[in-house]
Amino acid sequence: QVQLAESGGGLVQAGGSLRLSCAASGSISSINVMGWYRQAPGKQRELVARIFNADSTNYADSVKGRFTISKDNAKNTWYLQMNSLKPEDTAVYYCAARESLIATTTWGQGTQVTVSS
């Protein structure tokens, strides 16, 4: 079983930056996709970015060029560097770990990101 612990949310002014971290523990060898999702009030949860074991990445169009997902295999941690933040980036951000062989996704507890105008 995989456990995830997020950190790094907070309040920032528009144009600022934040970095989110997600530390994985447990049966981490079976994780093959790591991602970040977000959910704003009244909206569905949406994919922000994900990174695969082979280090390929993909991003939502709304964050391309501003956000960067990365991972540190030695620390079993992945990150979301968020630059040039906008008020519309305000949401609860969740990290996710996908174990494709058993078709299971584990979610972090969520961290609030608030961008003021």
Protein backbone atom coordinates (compact mmCIF):
# COMPACT_ATOMS: atom_id res chain seq x y z
CA GLN A 1 0.00 0.00 0.00
CA VAL A 2 1.16 3.53 -0.83
CA GLN A 3 0.90 6.52 1.48
CA LEU A 4 1.35 10.11 0.34
CA ALA A 5 2.18 13.22 2.33
CA GLU A 6 1.85 16.63 0.74
CA SER A 7 3.33 19.93 1.77
CA GLY A 8 3.94 23.40 0.43
CA GLY A 9 0.61 25.10 -0.13
CA GLY A 10 -0.22 28.58 1.07
CA LEU A 11 -1.22 32.11 0.18
CA VAL A 12 0.67 34.04 -2.48
CA GLN A 13 0.11 37.15 -4.54
CA ALA A 14 -0.49 36.94 -8.26
CA GLY A 15 2.79 36.57 -10.10
CA GLY A 16 4.39 34.74 -7.19
CA SER A 17 5.66 31.21 -6.86
CA LEU A 18 5.08 28.15 -4.69
CA ARG A 19 6.50 24.65 -4.67
CA LEU A 20 4.43 21.66 -3.64
CA SER A 21 6.00 18.40 -2.48
CA CYS A 22 4.59 14.90 -2.28
CA ALA A 23 6.49 12.25 -0.36
CA ALA A 24 5.58 8.63 -0.98
CA SER A 25 6.07 5.70 1.37
CA GLY A 26 5.02 2.06 1.48
CA SER A 27 4.90 -0.06 -1.69
CA ILE A 28 6.43 2.62 -3.86
CA SER A 29 8.14 0.29 -6.34
CA SER A 30 4.83 -0.30 -8.07
CA ILE A 31 4.16 3.39 -8.77
CA ASN A 32 4.58 4.22 -12.44
CA VAL A 33 2.81 7.59 -12.76
CA MET A 34 2.98 10.51 -10.35
CA GLY A 35 0.77 13.51 -10.73
CA TRP A 36 -0.81 16.66 -9.41
CA TYR A 37 -4.49 17.48 -9.65
CA ARG A 38 -6.49 20.42 -8.38
CA GLN A 39 -10.07 21.16 -7.47
CA ALA A 40 -11.48 24.66 -7.23
CA PRO A 41 -14.75 25.36 -5.41
CA GLY A 42 -17.72 24.25 -7.48
CA LYS A 43 -15.53 22.59 -10.11
CA GLN A 44 -14.44 19.08 -10.90
CA ARG A 45 -11.00 17.83 -10.02
CA GLU A 46 -8.66 18.31 -12.97
CA LEU A 47 -5.23 17.10 -13.98
CA VAL A 48 -2.51 19.71 -13.62
CA ALA A 49 0.62 17.72 -14.48
CA ARG A 50 1.99 14.20 -14.36
CA ILE A 51 5.33 12.52 -14.72
CA PHE A 52 6.06 8.95 -15.70
CA ASN A 53 8.81 6.63 -14.57
CA ALA A 54 10.72 7.34 -17.77
CA ASP A 55 10.55 11.06 -16.89
CA SER A 56 8.17 12.03 -19.66
CA THR A 57 5.67 14.67 -18.57
CA ASN A 58 2.44 16.25 -19.61
CA TYR A 59 0.62 19.36 -18.47
CA ALA A 60 -2.77 20.97 -18.62
CA ASP A 61 -2.82 23.71 -21.24
CA SER A 62 -3.65 26.27 -18.56
CA VAL A 63 -0.34 25.73 -16.74
CA LYS A 64 2.09 25.04 -19.58
CA GLY A 65 5.12 27.27 -19.37
CA ARG A 66 4.36 28.23 -15.76
CA PHE A 67 4.36 24.96 -13.80
CA THR A 68 7.02 22.25 -13.74
CA ILE A 69 6.65 18.74 -12.37
CA SER A 70 9.75 16.86 -11.29
CA LYS A 71 10.76 13.93 -9.10
CA ASP A 72 13.59 12.86 -6.88
CA ASN A 73 13.77 9.09 -6.94
CA ALA A 74 16.23 8.98 -4.05
CA LYS A 75 13.74 10.78 -1.82
CA ASN A 76 10.60 9.11 -3.24
CA THR A 77 9.24 12.60 -3.67
CA TRP A 78 7.78 14.58 -6.54
CA TYR A 79 7.30 18.28 -6.82
CA LEU A 80 5.22 20.90 -8.55
CA GLN A 81 7.00 24.19 -9.05
CA MET A 82 4.40 26.85 -9.74
CA ASN A 83 5.52 30.18 -11.14
CA SER A 84 3.63 33.22 -12.40
CA LEU A 85 0.65 32.18 -10.33
CA LYS A 86 -2.77 33.57 -11.22
CA PRO A 87 -5.93 33.93 -9.12
CA GLU A 88 -7.52 31.21 -11.25
CA ASP A 89 -4.89 28.78 -9.96
CA THR A 90 -6.56 28.94 -6.55
CA ALA A 91 -7.64 25.43 -5.59
CA VAL A 92 -6.94 22.48 -3.38
CA TYR A 93 -4.04 20.60 -4.94
CA TYR A 94 -3.77 16.84 -4.61
CA CYS A 95 -0.88 14.62 -5.46
CA ALA A 96 -1.62 11.20 -6.88
CA ALA A 97 0.30 7.99 -7.39
CA ARG A 98 -0.83 5.52 -10.02
CA GLU A 99 -0.04 1.82 -9.88
CA SER A 100 -1.17 0.74 -13.33
CA LEU A 101 -0.63 -2.99 -12.84
CA ILE A 102 -3.29 -3.09 -10.14
CA ALA A 103 -5.32 -0.18 -11.53
CA THR A 104 -5.06 1.78 -8.29
CA THR A 105 -4.63 5.49 -7.65
CA THR A 106 -3.66 6.77 -4.23
CA TRP A 107 -4.40 10.38 -3.31
CA GLY A 108 -2.71 12.79 -0.97
CA GLN A 109 -4.71 14.70 1.62
CA GLY A 110 -4.73 17.91 -0.41
CA THR A 111 -3.12 21.27 0.19
CA GLN A 112 -4.73 24.67 -0.30
CA VAL A 113 -3.18 27.11 -2.74
CA THR A 114 -4.66 30.61 -2.73
CA VAL A 115 -3.53 33.28 -5.16
CA SER A 116 -4.64 36.82 -4.38
CA SER A 117 -5.04 39.47 -7.05
